[in-house]
């Protein structure tokens, strides 16, 4: 297994927001993001590197979201081709 990237909470937040997640709440230093049924909690301490377990959770949450976006694009392209014929 390749090494995980060392990222900060701010970088993880950017990845989540770019993948379509929205921040639903925060309490203290913890911010909670959600996309459909997927929920991710990030301990937000600016400038500090996140624990590898948190990084794995962020990556696991982003991958299904990206696959859904790709599948939606493919299915919409197929429907366009069917209507053009």
C-alpha atoms as a PDB file:
ATOM      1  CA  UNK A   1       0.000   0.000   0.000  1.00  0.00           C
ATOM      2  CA  UNK A   2       1.437   3.413  -0.942  1.00  0.00           C
ATOM      3  CA  UNK A   3       2.149   5.972   1.744  1.00  0.00           C
ATOM      4  CA  UNK A   4      -0.647   8.363   2.543  1.00  0.00           C
ATOM      5  CA  UNK A   5      -0.114  12.036   1.748  1.00  0.00           C
ATOM      6  CA  UNK A   6       0.530  14.311   4.707  1.00  0.00           C
ATOM      7  CA  UNK A   7      -2.221  16.921   4.593  1.00  0.00           C
ATOM      8  CA  UNK A   8      -3.580  19.565   6.927  1.00  0.00           C
ATOM      9  CA  UNK A   9      -7.203  20.055   7.930  1.00  0.00           C
ATOM     10  CA  UNK A  10      -7.491  22.998   5.546  1.00  0.00           C
ATOM     11  CA  UNK A  11      -6.326  20.831   2.609  1.00  0.00           C
ATOM     12  CA  UNK A  12      -8.730  18.039   3.628  1.00  0.00           C
ATOM     13  CA  UNK A  13     -11.558  20.565   3.819  1.00  0.00           C
ATOM     14  CA  UNK A  14     -10.776  21.775   0.289  1.00  0.00           C
ATOM     15  CA  UNK A  15     -10.822  18.191  -1.017  1.00  0.00           C
ATOM     16  CA  UNK A  16     -14.195  17.533   0.603  1.00  0.00           C
ATOM     17  CA  UNK A  17     -15.762  20.776  -0.620  1.00  0.00           C
ATOM     18  CA  UNK A  18     -14.465  20.189  -4.162  1.00  0.00           C
ATOM     19  CA  UNK A  19     -16.048  16.708  -4.082  1.00  0.00           C
ATOM     20  CA  UNK A  20     -19.443  18.235  -3.257  1.00  0.00           C
ATOM     21  CA  UNK A  21     -19.541  17.856   0.522  1.00  0.00           C
ATOM     22  CA  UNK A  22     -21.097  20.616   2.612  1.00  0.00           C
ATOM     23  CA  UNK A  23     -20.255  21.594   6.166  1.00  0.00           C
ATOM     24  CA  UNK A  24     -23.326  20.815   8.231  1.00  0.00           C
ATOM     25  CA  UNK A  25     -22.091  21.786  11.685  1.00  0.00           C
ATOM     26  CA  UNK A  26     -19.106  22.366  13.923  1.00  0.00           C
ATOM     27  CA  UNK A  27     -18.454  22.081  17.630  1.00  0.00           C
ATOM     28  CA  UNK A  28     -15.210  23.268  19.092  1.00  0.00           C
ATOM     29  CA  UNK A  29     -12.457  22.300  16.675  1.00  0.00           C
ATOM     30  CA  UNK A  30     -14.430  19.539  14.913  1.00  0.00           C
ATOM     31  CA  UNK A  31     -16.182  20.214  11.616  1.00  0.00           C
ATOM     32  CA  UNK A  32     -18.722  17.780  10.170  1.00  0.00           C
ATOM     33  CA  UNK A  33     -19.205  17.443   6.404  1.00  0.00           C
ATOM     34  CA  UNK A  34     -21.909  15.479   4.597  1.00  0.00           C
ATOM     35  CA  UNK A  35     -22.721  14.320   1.085  1.00  0.00           C
ATOM     36  CA  UNK A  36     -25.846  12.152   0.834  1.00  0.00           C
ATOM     37  CA  UNK A  37     -25.304   9.352   3.382  1.00  0.00           C
ATOM     38  CA  UNK A  38     -21.550   9.933   3.788  1.00  0.00           C
ATOM     39  CA  UNK A  39     -20.424  11.870   6.873  1.00  0.00           C
ATOM     40  CA  UNK A  40     -16.844  12.942   7.628  1.00  0.00           C
ATOM     41  CA  UNK A  41     -15.575  14.636  10.795  1.00  0.00           C
ATOM     42  CA  UNK A  42     -12.358  16.667  10.572  1.00  0.00           C
ATOM     43  CA  UNK A  43     -10.536  17.919  13.675  1.00  0.00           C
ATOM     44  CA  UNK A  44      -9.659  21.414  12.486  1.00  0.00           C
ATOM     45  CA  UNK A  45      -6.347  22.608  13.916  1.00  0.00           C
ATOM     46  CA  UNK A  46      -4.847  24.917  11.254  1.00  0.00           C
ATOM     47  CA  UNK A  47      -1.297  24.073  10.270  1.00  0.00           C
ATOM     48  CA  UNK A  48      -1.223  20.646  11.941  1.00  0.00           C
ATOM     49  CA  UNK A  49      -0.955  17.426   9.945  1.00  0.00           C
ATOM     50  CA  UNK A  50      -3.959  15.102  10.201  1.00  0.00           C
ATOM     51  CA  UNK A  51      -3.620  11.603  11.622  1.00  0.00           C
ATOM     52  CA  UNK A  52      -3.349   8.913   8.890  1.00  0.00           C
ATOM     53  CA  UNK A  53      -6.658   7.382  10.031  1.00  0.00           C
ATOM     54  CA  UNK A  54      -8.470  10.669   9.315  1.00  0.00           C
ATOM     55  CA  UNK A  55      -6.739  10.969   5.929  1.00  0.00           C
ATOM     56  CA  UNK A  56      -7.921   7.437   5.024  1.00  0.00           C
ATOM     57  CA  UNK A  57     -11.494   8.396   5.966  1.00  0.00           C
ATOM     58  CA  UNK A  58     -11.352  11.507   3.776  1.00  0.00           C
ATOM     59  CA  UNK A  59      -9.983   9.552   0.798  1.00  0.00           C
ATOM     60  CA  UNK A  60     -12.577   6.788   1.258  1.00  0.00           C
ATOM     61  CA  UNK A  61     -15.372   9.372   1.407  1.00  0.00           C
ATOM     62  CA  UNK A  62     -14.190  11.234  -1.685  1.00  0.00           C
ATOM     63  CA  UNK A  63     -13.751   8.203  -3.956  1.00  0.00           C
ATOM     64  CA  UNK A  64     -17.442   7.136  -4.027  1.00  0.00           C
ATOM     65  CA  UNK A  65     -18.447  10.764  -4.568  1.00  0.00           C
ATOM     66  CA  UNK A  66     -16.126  11.044  -7.583  1.00  0.00           C
ATOM     67  CA  UNK A  67     -17.403   7.736  -8.986  1.00  0.00           C
ATOM     68  CA  UNK A  68     -21.003   9.000  -8.746  1.00  0.00           C
ATOM     69  CA  UNK A  69     -20.059  12.182 -10.599  1.00  0.00           C
ATOM     70  CA  UNK A  70     -18.306  10.184 -13.329  1.00  0.00           C
ATOM     71  CA  UNK A  71     -21.241   7.767 -13.651  1.00  0.00           C
ATOM     72  CA  UNK A  72     -23.718  10.660 -13.876  1.00  0.00           C
ATOM     73  CA  UNK A  73     -21.632  12.247 -16.648  1.00  0.00           C
ATOM     74  CA  UNK A  74     -21.483   8.970 -18.575  1.00  0.00           C
ATOM     75  CA  UNK A  75     -25.209   8.288 -18.253  1.00  0.00           C
ATOM     76  CA  UNK A  76     -26.091  11.837 -19.345  1.00  0.00           C
ATOM     77  CA  UNK A  77     -23.779  11.462 -22.369  1.00  0.00           C
ATOM     78  CA  UNK A  78     -25.528   8.210 -23.311  1.00  0.00           C
ATOM     79  CA  UNK A  79     -28.961   9.805 -23.071  1.00  0.00           C
ATOM     80  CA  UNK A  80     -27.804  12.677 -25.312  1.00  0.00           C
ATOM     81  CA  UNK A  81     -26.684  10.190 -27.949  1.00  0.00           C
ATOM     82  CA  UNK A  82     -30.018   8.380 -27.833  1.00  0.00           C
ATOM     83  CA  UNK A  83     -32.017  11.576 -28.339  1.00  0.00           C
ATOM     84  CA  UNK A  84     -29.832  12.712 -31.251  1.00  0.00           C
ATOM     85  CA  UNK A  85     -30.486   9.550 -33.282  1.00  0.00           C
END
